[in-house]
Amino acid sequence: MRAWRWTLTLMTVIACCAACVAWAGGTTATPGEAEMLKSYGSPLSISPSALRSVGTNPEALYLIPNTGVLQAQEELAYAVAPVYLPDGATIHSFHAAVFDGWDGPSGACSDVAGLDVGVWLMRVESYTGEVQQMSFLQSSGSDSENQWLFDGSVDHPVVDDPYWTYYLVVRMCKTAHYFMGADILYVMP
């Protein structure tokens, strides 16, 4: 089942790139980039089930059992997951699949950023605790369709383990926000 999900996720990313779909944030894959993405054999997929809720309410998120999708249950729900990348890998791109079906301001979600689903790829220096944002993806507002987010210019793309550890952060707001997974495409030297 797990291999099937990885294959399906990678096929979705490849299909979207091959068709030169305009990704959220205005990034579009060129035909050359689409061909290059087809050659990746080492994606790291992060399932919604790998995330855990952080904050004062551990029930802020709900994993829908029959779909494997993570859904927010309250305002400003955050989740984190460790990201295990091989030492020396170079990250080519970061992808996430989300659904954002809510656009009305309310309570703690009334700021503009809180209206959208946010996904961060982060790293923390193992000895000093310095934290650096590598990539940030955000939904483009309320939409009746799934949104496929893409960042092809990840900061600090070379994995330097054990000096840095890596993790994913997801922010959702209201029950109309869903996180369906993330992929990190990388190559080894």
N, C-alpha and C. Protein backbone atom coordinates (compact mmCIF):
# COMPACT_ATOMS: atom_id res chain seq x y z
N MET A 1 0.82 -1.19 0.00
CA MET A 1 0.00 0.00 0.00
C MET A 1 0.87 1.26 0.00
N ARG A 2 1.97 1.21 0.81
CA ARG A 2 2.84 2.37 0.91
C ARG A 2 3.55 2.65 -0.41
N ALA A 3 4.06 1.59 -1.05
CA ALA A 3 4.74 1.77 -2.34
C ALA A 3 3.77 2.31 -3.38
N TRP A 4 2.52 1.85 -3.33
CA TRP A 4 1.51 2.35 -4.25
C TRP A 4 1.29 3.83 -4.06
N ARG A 5 1.23 4.30 -2.80
CA ARG A 5 1.00 5.72 -2.52
C ARG A 5 2.17 6.55 -3.03
N TRP A 6 3.42 6.07 -2.81
CA TRP A 6 4.59 6.80 -3.30
C TRP A 6 4.56 6.89 -4.81
N THR A 7 4.25 5.79 -5.45
CA THR A 7 4.20 5.77 -6.91
C THR A 7 3.13 6.71 -7.43
N LEU A 8 1.97 6.68 -6.81
CA LEU A 8 0.88 7.57 -7.22
C LEU A 8 1.26 9.03 -7.01
N THR A 9 1.89 9.34 -5.88
CA THR A 9 2.30 10.72 -5.61
C THR A 9 3.32 11.18 -6.64
N LEU A 10 4.35 10.34 -6.91
CA LEU A 10 5.36 10.71 -7.88
C LEU A 10 4.76 10.85 -9.27
N MET A 11 3.86 9.94 -9.62
CA MET A 11 3.21 10.03 -10.94
C MET A 11 2.39 11.30 -11.07
N THR A 12 1.76 11.72 -9.98
CA THR A 12 0.98 12.96 -10.01
C THR A 12 1.89 14.14 -10.24
N VAL A 13 3.02 14.19 -9.53
CA VAL A 13 3.98 15.29 -9.70
C VAL A 13 4.51 15.30 -11.13
N ILE A 14 4.89 14.14 -11.63
CA ILE A 14 5.42 14.07 -13.00
C ILE A 14 4.38 14.48 -14.02
N ALA A 15 3.16 14.01 -13.84
CA ALA A 15 2.09 14.35 -14.79
C ALA A 15 1.84 15.85 -14.80
N CYS A 16 1.83 16.44 -13.64
CA CYS A 16 1.58 17.89 -13.58
C CYS A 16 2.73 18.65 -14.23
N CYS A 17 3.98 18.21 -13.98
CA CYS A 17 5.12 18.90 -14.58
C CYS A 17 5.14 18.68 -16.08
N ALA A 18 4.86 17.45 -16.50
CA ALA A 18 4.91 17.13 -17.93
C ALA A 18 3.89 17.94 -18.71
N ALA A 19 2.80 18.25 -18.09
CA ALA A 19 1.77 19.04 -18.76
C ALA A 19 2.03 20.54 -18.61
N CYS A 20 3.13 20.87 -17.96
CA CYS A 20 3.50 22.28 -17.74
C CYS A 20 2.37 23.03 -17.04
N VAL A 21 1.87 22.43 -15.99
CA VAL A 21 0.80 23.05 -15.22
C VAL A 21 1.37 24.22 -14.43
N ALA A 22 0.64 25.31 -14.35
CA ALA A 22 1.07 26.45 -13.54
C ALA A 22 0.84 26.11 -12.08
N TRP A 23 1.91 26.09 -11.32
CA TRP A 23 1.83 25.73 -9.91
C TRP A 23 1.48 26.98 -9.10
N ALA A 24 1.01 26.77 -7.87
CA ALA A 24 0.73 27.90 -6.98
C ALA A 24 2.00 28.70 -6.80
N GLY A 25 1.88 30.00 -6.70
CA GLY A 25 3.03 30.88 -6.58
C GLY A 25 3.57 31.29 -7.94
N GLY A 26 2.95 30.87 -9.01
CA GLY A 26 3.33 31.33 -10.34
C GLY A 26 4.46 30.55 -10.98
N THR A 27 4.91 29.44 -10.38
CA THR A 27 6.00 28.67 -10.94
C THR A 27 5.44 27.66 -11.94
N THR A 28 6.04 27.62 -13.14
CA THR A 28 5.61 26.69 -14.17
C THR A 28 6.80 25.86 -14.60
N ALA A 29 6.60 24.56 -14.72
CA ALA A 29 7.66 23.68 -15.18
C ALA A 29 7.80 23.81 -16.68
N THR A 30 9.04 23.97 -17.15
CA THR A 30 9.31 24.01 -18.59
C THR A 30 9.36 22.57 -19.09
N PRO A 31 9.28 22.35 -20.42
CA PRO A 31 9.39 20.98 -20.94
C PRO A 31 10.69 20.30 -20.52
N GLY A 32 11.79 21.03 -20.45
CA GLY A 32 13.06 20.46 -20.02
C GLY A 32 13.03 20.03 -18.56
N GLU A 33 12.41 20.86 -17.70
CA GLU A 33 12.28 20.50 -16.29
C GLU A 33 11.38 19.29 -16.13
N ALA A 34 10.33 19.22 -16.93
CA ALA A 34 9.42 18.07 -16.85
C ALA A 34 10.15 16.78 -17.19
N GLU A 35 11.00 16.81 -18.21
CA GLU A 35 11.78 15.62 -18.58
C GLU A 35 12.76 15.26 -17.47
N MET A 36 13.39 16.29 -16.85
CA MET A 36 14.33 16.02 -15.78
C MET A 36 13.61 15.40 -14.58
N LEU A 37 12.40 15.87 -14.26
CA LEU A 37 11.65 15.32 -13.13
C LEU A 37 11.31 13.85 -13.34
N LYS A 38 11.14 13.45 -14.59
CA LYS A 38 10.83 12.05 -14.87
C LYS A 38 11.99 11.13 -14.49
N SER A 39 13.21 11.69 -14.43
CA SER A 39 14.38 10.87 -14.15
C SER A 39 14.62 10.67 -12.66
N TYR A 40 13.88 11.34 -11.79
CA TYR A 40 14.11 11.19 -10.36
C TYR A 40 13.62 9.83 -9.90
N GLY A 41 14.51 9.11 -9.22
CA GLY A 41 14.14 7.83 -8.68
C GLY A 41 14.12 7.83 -7.16
N SER A 42 14.40 8.98 -6.55
CA SER A 42 14.52 9.03 -5.10
C SER A 42 13.68 10.15 -4.49
N PRO A 43 12.37 10.11 -4.64
CA PRO A 43 11.59 11.11 -3.94
C PRO A 43 11.40 10.69 -2.48
N LEU A 44 11.32 11.64 -1.60
CA LEU A 44 10.94 11.37 -0.22
C LEU A 44 9.52 11.86 -0.07
N SER A 45 8.60 10.96 0.25
CA SER A 45 7.20 11.32 0.43
C SER A 45 6.89 11.39 1.91
N ILE A 46 6.16 12.42 2.31
CA ILE A 46 5.76 12.59 3.70
C ILE A 46 4.24 12.46 3.75
N SER A 47 3.80 11.39 4.36
CA SER A 47 2.38 11.10 4.47
C SER A 47 1.74 11.96 5.56
N PRO A 48 0.47 12.33 5.39
CA PRO A 48 -0.22 13.05 6.47
C PRO A 48 -0.22 12.29 7.79
N SER A 49 -0.16 10.97 7.73
CA SER A 49 -0.15 10.19 8.96
C SER A 49 1.15 10.32 9.75
N ALA A 50 2.20 10.87 9.12
CA ALA A 50 3.48 11.07 9.80
C ALA A 50 3.49 12.31 10.68
N LEU A 51 2.52 13.20 10.48
CA LEU A 51 2.50 14.44 11.24
C LEU A 51 1.82 14.26 12.59
N ARG A 52 2.26 15.07 13.55
CA ARG A 52 1.60 15.09 14.85
C ARG A 52 1.24 16.53 15.18
N SER A 53 0.17 16.67 15.89
CA SER A 53 -0.33 17.99 16.28
C SER A 53 0.60 18.61 17.32
N VAL A 54 0.82 19.90 17.19
CA VAL A 54 1.59 20.64 18.19
C VAL A 54 0.72 21.78 18.71
N GLY A 55 1.00 22.21 19.92
CA GLY A 55 0.21 23.27 20.52
C GLY A 55 -0.51 22.76 21.76
N THR A 56 -1.50 23.50 22.20
CA THR A 56 -2.17 23.17 23.44
C THR A 56 -3.26 22.13 23.29
N ASN A 57 -3.74 21.90 22.07
CA ASN A 57 -4.82 20.95 21.86
C ASN A 57 -4.37 19.82 20.95
N PRO A 58 -4.10 18.62 21.50
CA PRO A 58 -3.65 17.52 20.65
C PRO A 58 -4.73 17.02 19.69
N GLU A 59 -5.97 17.44 19.88
CA GLU A 59 -7.05 17.02 18.99
C GLU A 59 -7.36 18.07 17.92
N ALA A 60 -6.39 18.96 17.65
CA ALA A 60 -6.61 20.03 16.67
C ALA A 60 -6.64 19.51 15.24
N LEU A 61 -6.15 18.29 15.04
CA LEU A 61 -6.09 17.71 13.70
C LEU A 61 -6.73 16.34 13.72
N TYR A 62 -7.27 15.95 12.57
CA TYR A 62 -7.93 14.66 12.46
C TYR A 62 -7.47 13.99 11.17
N LEU A 63 -6.99 12.76 11.29
CA LEU A 63 -6.60 11.98 10.12
C LEU A 63 -7.82 11.17 9.69
N ILE A 64 -8.33 11.47 8.52
CA ILE A 64 -9.53 10.80 8.02
C ILE A 64 -9.13 9.38 7.61
N PRO A 65 -9.63 8.36 8.31
CA PRO A 65 -9.13 6.99 8.12
C PRO A 65 -9.27 6.44 6.71
N ASN A 66 -10.38 6.66 6.03
CA ASN A 66 -10.57 6.04 4.73
C ASN A 66 -9.89 6.78 3.58
N THR A 67 -9.31 7.96 3.85
CA THR A 67 -8.61 8.70 2.79
C THR A 67 -7.16 8.97 3.11
N GLY A 68 -6.77 8.95 4.39
CA GLY A 68 -5.41 9.27 4.78
C GLY A 68 -5.10 10.74 4.73
N VAL A 69 -6.12 11.58 4.66
CA VAL A 69 -5.97 13.04 4.57
C VAL A 69 -6.03 13.63 5.97
N LEU A 70 -5.19 14.63 6.24
CA LEU A 70 -5.19 15.32 7.53
C LEU A 70 -6.08 16.55 7.43
N GLN A 71 -7.01 16.69 8.38
CA GLN A 71 -7.97 17.79 8.38
C GLN A 71 -7.84 18.58 9.67
N ALA A 72 -7.93 19.91 9.56
CA ALA A 72 -7.92 20.77 10.75
C ALA A 72 -9.25 20.63 11.47
N GLN A 73 -9.21 20.71 12.80
CA GLN A 73 -10.42 20.64 13.61
C GLN A 73 -10.69 21.93 14.36
N GLU A 74 -9.75 22.86 14.31
CA GLU A 74 -9.91 24.13 15.01
C GLU A 74 -9.03 25.19 14.34
N GLU A 75 -9.15 26.41 14.83
CA GLU A 75 -8.35 27.49 14.26
C GLU A 75 -6.88 27.32 14.59
N LEU A 76 -6.05 27.69 13.63
CA LEU A 76 -4.59 27.65 13.76
C LEU A 76 -4.06 26.33 14.28
N ALA A 77 -4.34 25.29 13.58
CA ALA A 77 -3.83 23.96 13.90
C ALA A 77 -2.48 23.78 13.21
N TYR A 78 -1.47 23.41 13.98
CA TYR A 78 -0.13 23.17 13.44
C TYR A 78 0.24 21.71 13.63
N ALA A 79 0.99 21.16 12.69
CA ALA A 79 1.49 19.79 12.78
C ALA A 79 2.93 19.76 12.29
N VAL A 80 3.71 18.83 12.83
CA VAL A 80 5.11 18.69 12.42
C VAL A 80 5.42 17.22 12.16
N ALA A 81 6.43 16.99 11.33
CA ALA A 81 6.92 15.64 11.06
C ALA A 81 8.42 15.71 10.80
N PRO A 82 9.18 14.73 11.26
CA PRO A 82 10.60 14.69 10.92
C PRO A 82 10.77 14.37 9.44
N VAL A 83 11.85 14.86 8.86
CA VAL A 83 12.17 14.59 7.46
C VAL A 83 13.56 13.95 7.44
N TYR A 84 13.64 12.74 6.96
CA TYR A 84 14.90 12.00 6.93
C TYR A 84 15.44 11.96 5.51
N LEU A 85 16.43 12.79 5.26
CA LEU A 85 17.08 12.85 3.94
C LEU A 85 18.50 12.31 4.06
N PRO A 86 19.01 11.64 3.02
CA PRO A 86 20.37 11.11 3.10
C PRO A 86 21.42 12.23 3.05
N ASP A 87 22.48 12.04 3.83
CA ASP A 87 23.56 13.02 3.88
C ASP A 87 24.16 13.21 2.49
N GLY A 88 24.35 14.46 2.09
CA GLY A 88 24.94 14.78 0.80
C GLY A 88 23.95 14.94 -0.33
N ALA A 89 22.69 14.59 -0.10
CA ALA A 89 21.67 14.74 -1.14
C ALA A 89 21.48 16.21 -1.47
N THR A 90 21.15 16.50 -2.72
CA THR A 90 20.81 17.86 -3.14
C THR A 90 19.32 17.90 -3.47
N ILE A 91 18.61 18.75 -2.74
CA ILE A 91 17.17 18.86 -2.93
C ILE A 91 16.90 19.66 -4.20
N HIS A 92 16.13 19.07 -5.09
CA HIS A 92 15.79 19.75 -6.34
C HIS A 92 14.51 20.56 -6.19
N SER A 93 13.49 19.98 -5.53
CA SER A 93 12.22 20.68 -5.41
C SER A 93 11.41 20.12 -4.25
N PHE A 94 10.44 20.93 -3.82
CA PHE A 94 9.58 20.61 -2.69
C PHE A 94 8.14 20.78 -3.17
N HIS A 95 7.29 19.78 -2.90
CA HIS A 95 5.92 19.76 -3.40
C HIS A 95 4.97 19.44 -2.25
N ALA A 96 3.75 19.94 -2.31
CA ALA A 96 2.72 19.58 -1.34
C ALA A 96 1.36 19.59 -2.02
N ALA A 97 0.49 18.72 -1.55
CA ALA A 97 -0.89 18.67 -2.05
C ALA A 97 -1.81 19.08 -0.90
N VAL A 98 -2.64 20.10 -1.15
CA VAL A 98 -3.53 20.62 -0.11
C VAL A 98 -4.91 20.90 -0.72
N PHE A 99 -5.87 21.08 0.16
CA PHE A 99 -7.19 21.55 -0.24
C PHE A 99 -7.54 22.72 0.67
N ASP A 100 -7.96 23.83 0.08
CA ASP A 100 -8.33 25.03 0.82
C ASP A 100 -9.73 25.44 0.37
N GLY A 101 -10.72 25.03 1.15
CA GLY A 101 -12.09 25.33 0.78
C GLY A 101 -12.73 26.37 1.67
N TRP A 102 -11.88 27.22 2.28
CA TRP A 102 -12.43 28.21 3.22
C TRP A 102 -11.80 29.57 2.96
N ASP A 103 -12.62 30.61 2.91
CA ASP A 103 -12.08 31.94 2.67
C ASP A 103 -12.67 33.02 3.58
N GLY A 104 -13.39 32.65 4.62
CA GLY A 104 -14.00 33.65 5.49
C GLY A 104 -13.20 33.91 6.74
N PRO A 105 -12.90 35.18 7.06
CA PRO A 105 -12.14 35.47 8.27
C PRO A 105 -12.96 35.20 9.53
N SER A 106 -12.26 34.71 10.55
CA SER A 106 -12.93 34.41 11.81
C SER A 106 -11.89 34.22 12.90
N GLY A 107 -12.07 34.86 14.02
CA GLY A 107 -11.21 34.67 15.19
C GLY A 107 -9.74 34.74 14.87
N ALA A 108 -8.99 33.74 15.35
CA ALA A 108 -7.54 33.71 15.17
C ALA A 108 -7.13 33.54 13.73
N CYS A 109 -8.05 33.16 12.87
CA CYS A 109 -7.74 32.95 11.45
C CYS A 109 -8.05 34.17 10.60
N SER A 110 -8.26 35.30 11.22
CA SER A 110 -8.70 36.47 10.45
C SER A 110 -7.58 37.15 9.68
N ASP A 111 -6.30 36.89 10.02
CA ASP A 111 -5.24 37.51 9.22
C ASP A 111 -5.16 36.80 7.87
N VAL A 112 -4.64 37.50 6.89
CA VAL A 112 -4.63 36.98 5.52
C VAL A 112 -3.88 35.66 5.41
N ALA A 113 -2.70 35.56 6.04
CA ALA A 113 -1.91 34.33 5.96
C ALA A 113 -2.66 33.16 6.59
N GLY A 114 -3.43 33.42 7.64
CA GLY A 114 -4.15 32.36 8.32
C GLY A 114 -5.29 31.78 7.50
N LEU A 115 -5.67 32.47 6.43
CA LEU A 115 -6.75 31.97 5.59
C LEU A 115 -6.30 30.85 4.69
N ASP A 116 -4.99 30.70 4.51
CA ASP A 116 -4.44 29.72 3.57
C ASP A 116 -3.74 28.58 4.31
N VAL A 117 -3.62 27.45 3.63
CA VAL A 117 -2.84 26.33 4.16
C VAL A 117 -1.37 26.65 3.91
N GLY A 118 -0.54 26.52 4.93
CA GLY A 118 0.89 26.77 4.81
C GLY A 118 1.69 25.51 5.07
N VAL A 119 2.75 25.29 4.28
CA VAL A 119 3.61 24.12 4.45
C VAL A 119 5.06 24.61 4.38
N TRP A 120 5.83 24.31 5.41
CA TRP A 120 7.23 24.72 5.50
C TRP A 120 8.14 23.51 5.50
N LEU A 121 9.29 23.63 4.84
CA LEU A 121 10.40 22.71 5.00
C LEU A 121 11.45 23.47 5.79
N MET A 122 11.83 22.94 6.94
CA MET A 122 12.72 23.64 7.86
C MET A 122 13.92 22.76 8.19
N ARG A 123 14.96 23.42 8.74
CA ARG A 123 16.08 22.68 9.29
C ARG A 123 16.57 23.38 10.54
N VAL A 124 17.14 22.60 11.45
CA VAL A 124 17.67 23.15 12.70
C VAL A 124 19.09 22.63 12.88
N GLU A 125 20.00 23.53 13.24
CA GLU A 125 21.39 23.17 13.46
C GLU A 125 21.47 22.36 14.75
N SER A 126 22.08 21.20 14.68
CA SER A 126 22.04 20.24 15.79
C SER A 126 22.76 20.70 17.05
N TYR A 127 23.71 21.62 16.93
CA TYR A 127 24.51 22.00 18.10
C TYR A 127 24.14 23.37 18.65
N THR A 128 23.78 24.30 17.80
CA THR A 128 23.45 25.66 18.26
C THR A 128 21.95 25.90 18.37
N GLY A 129 21.14 25.10 17.68
CA GLY A 129 19.70 25.29 17.69
C GLY A 129 19.21 26.33 16.70
N GLU A 130 20.10 26.84 15.84
CA GLU A 130 19.69 27.81 14.83
C GLU A 130 18.68 27.17 13.87
N VAL A 131 17.59 27.87 13.61
CA VAL A 131 16.54 27.35 12.73
C VAL A 131 16.53 28.14 11.43
N GLN A 132 16.42 27.44 10.30
CA GLN A 132 16.37 28.09 8.99
C GLN A 132 15.22 27.54 8.17
N GLN A 133 14.50 28.45 7.54
CA GLN A 133 13.44 28.06 6.61
C GLN A 133 14.07 27.73 5.27
N MET A 134 13.77 26.55 4.75
CA MET A 134 14.30 26.14 3.45
C MET A 134 13.31 26.42 2.33
N SER A 135 12.02 26.27 2.65
CA SER A 135 10.98 26.48 1.64
C SER A 135 9.65 26.74 2.34
N PHE A 136 8.81 27.53 1.68
CA PHE A 136 7.47 27.79 2.18
C PHE A 136 6.49 27.71 1.01
N LEU A 137 5.45 26.90 1.18
CA LEU A 137 4.39 26.77 0.18
C LEU A 137 3.09 27.22 0.84
N GLN A 138 2.24 27.87 0.05
CA GLN A 138 0.98 28.36 0.60
C GLN A 138 -0.12 28.23 -0.44
N SER A 139 -1.29 27.81 0.00
CA SER A 139 -2.42 27.71 -0.93
C SER A 139 -2.76 29.10 -1.44
N SER A 140 -3.42 29.15 -2.57
CA SER A 140 -3.73 30.44 -3.20
C SER A 140 -5.18 30.85 -2.94
N GLY A 141 -5.66 30.58 -1.74
CA GLY A 141 -7.02 30.97 -1.40
C GLY A 141 -8.01 29.85 -1.64
N SER A 142 -9.24 30.15 -1.34
CA SER A 142 -10.30 29.16 -1.44
C SER A 142 -10.45 28.68 -2.88
N ASP A 143 -10.57 27.35 -3.03
CA ASP A 143 -10.70 26.75 -4.35
C ASP A 143 -11.47 25.45 -4.18
N SER A 144 -12.29 25.12 -5.13
CA SER A 144 -13.07 23.88 -5.03
C SER A 144 -12.28 22.66 -5.48
N GLU A 145 -11.05 22.86 -5.92
CA GLU A 145 -10.18 21.77 -6.38
C GLU A 145 -8.96 21.65 -5.49
N ASN A 146 -8.30 20.49 -5.53
CA ASN A 146 -7.04 20.32 -4.83
C ASN A 146 -6.00 21.27 -5.42
N GLN A 147 -5.07 21.71 -4.59
CA GLN A 147 -4.00 22.58 -5.06
C GLN A 147 -2.68 21.82 -4.93
N TRP A 148 -1.88 21.85 -6.00
CA TRP A 148 -0.58 21.19 -6.03
C TRP A 148 0.47 22.29 -5.95
N LEU A 149 1.12 22.41 -4.82
CA LEU A 149 2.08 23.49 -4.57
C LEU A 149 3.49 23.01 -4.90
N PHE A 150 4.34 23.93 -5.37
CA PHE A 150 5.66 23.57 -5.89
C PHE A 150 6.66 24.67 -5.60
N ASP A 151 7.87 24.29 -5.16
CA ASP A 151 8.98 25.22 -5.02
C ASP A 151 10.21 24.56 -5.62
N GLY A 152 10.70 25.13 -6.70
CA GLY A 152 11.88 24.59 -7.38
C GLY A 152 13.17 25.29 -6.99
N SER A 153 13.13 26.17 -6.00
CA SER A 153 14.34 26.88 -5.57
C SER A 153 14.45 26.84 -4.04
N VAL A 154 14.68 25.65 -3.51
CA VAL A 154 14.79 25.44 -2.07
C VAL A 154 16.09 26.05 -1.57
N ASP A 155 16.01 26.82 -0.48
CA ASP A 155 17.21 27.38 0.15
C ASP A 155 17.98 26.28 0.86
N HIS A 156 19.30 26.38 0.91
CA HIS A 156 20.17 25.40 1.57
C HIS A 156 19.86 23.98 1.07
N PRO A 157 19.98 23.74 -0.24
CA PRO A 157 19.51 22.48 -0.82
C PRO A 157 20.38 21.26 -0.52
N VAL A 158 21.63 21.43 -0.10
CA VAL A 158 22.49 20.28 0.16
C VAL A 158 22.31 19.82 1.60
N VAL A 159 21.94 18.55 1.76
CA VAL A 159 21.69 17.98 3.08
C VAL A 159 23.02 17.75 3.79
N ASP A 160 23.14 18.30 5.00
CA ASP A 160 24.36 18.20 5.79
C ASP A 160 24.01 17.55 7.12
N ASP A 161 23.89 16.22 7.09
CA ASP A 161 23.54 15.46 8.27
C ASP A 161 24.84 14.90 8.85
N PRO A 162 25.13 14.92 10.10
CA PRO A 162 24.28 15.13 11.25
C PRO A 162 24.27 16.56 11.78
N TYR A 163 24.88 17.50 11.07
CA TYR A 163 24.96 18.87 11.58
C TYR A 163 23.61 19.56 11.57
N TRP A 164 22.75 19.18 10.64
CA TRP A 164 21.41 19.76 10.56
C TRP A 164 20.38 18.63 10.61
N THR A 165 19.25 18.89 11.26
CA THR A 165 18.13 17.97 11.21
C THR A 165 16.98 18.69 10.51
N TYR A 166 16.12 17.93 9.87
CA TYR A 166 15.12 18.49 8.97
C TYR A 166 13.71 18.11 9.41
N TYR A 167 12.75 19.02 9.18
CA TYR A 167 11.37 18.73 9.55
C TYR A 167 10.40 19.52 8.70
N LEU A 168 9.15 19.06 8.71
CA LEU A 168 8.06 19.66 7.95
C LEU A 168 7.06 20.26 8.94
N VAL A 169 6.54 21.43 8.61
CA VAL A 169 5.50 22.08 9.43
C VAL A 169 4.31 22.36 8.51
N VAL A 170 3.11 22.04 8.99
CA VAL A 170 1.88 22.32 8.26
C VAL A 170 0.98 23.17 9.14
N ARG A 171 0.43 24.27 8.57
CA ARG A 171 -0.52 25.12 9.28
C ARG A 171 -1.85 25.06 8.55
N MET A 172 -2.89 24.77 9.29
CA MET A 172 -4.23 24.76 8.71
C MET A 172 -5.16 25.52 9.64
N CYS A 173 -6.27 25.97 9.08
CA CYS A 173 -7.21 26.79 9.83
C CYS A 173 -8.62 26.45 9.38
N LYS A 174 -9.39 25.89 10.25
CA LYS A 174 -10.78 25.50 9.99
C LYS A 174 -10.87 24.13 9.32
N THR A 175 -12.02 23.52 9.41
CA THR A 175 -12.23 22.16 8.91
C THR A 175 -12.24 22.06 7.39
N ALA A 176 -12.24 23.17 6.69
CA ALA A 176 -12.20 23.14 5.23
C ALA A 176 -10.77 23.11 4.69
N HIS A 177 -9.78 22.94 5.56
CA HIS A 177 -8.38 22.82 5.15
C HIS A 177 -7.94 21.37 5.31
N TYR A 178 -7.27 20.86 4.26
CA TYR A 178 -6.77 19.49 4.26
C TYR A 178 -5.32 19.48 3.78
N PHE A 179 -4.54 18.55 4.34
CA PHE A 179 -3.18 18.30 3.88
C PHE A 179 -3.13 16.86 3.39
N MET A 180 -2.70 16.67 2.12
CA MET A 180 -2.73 15.35 1.51
C MET A 180 -1.35 14.73 1.32
N GLY A 181 -0.29 15.47 1.63
CA GLY A 181 1.05 14.91 1.54
C GLY A 181 2.04 15.87 0.93
N ALA A 182 3.32 15.54 1.09
CA ALA A 182 4.40 16.35 0.55
C ALA A 182 5.46 15.44 -0.04
N ASP A 183 6.18 15.94 -1.03
CA ASP A 183 7.28 15.22 -1.66
C ASP A 183 8.49 16.12 -1.74
N ILE A 184 9.65 15.52 -1.53
CA ILE A 184 10.92 16.22 -1.72
C ILE A 184 11.68 15.42 -2.76
N LEU A 185 11.97 16.04 -3.90
CA LEU A 185 12.74 15.39 -4.95
C LEU A 185 14.20 15.77 -4.77
N TYR A 186 15.06 14.75 -4.73
CA TYR A 186 16.48 15.02 -4.52
C TYR A 186 17.32 14.08 -5.37
N VAL A 187 18.59 14.46 -5.53
CA VAL A 187 19.56 13.62 -6.24
C VAL A 187 20.75 13.42 -5.33
N MET A 188 21.42 12.31 -5.52
CA MET A 188 22.65 12.00 -4.77
C MET A 188 23.86 12.36 -5.63
N PRO A 189 24.95 12.77 -5.00
CA PRO A 189 26.14 13.12 -5.78
C PRO A 189 26.74 11.92 -6.50
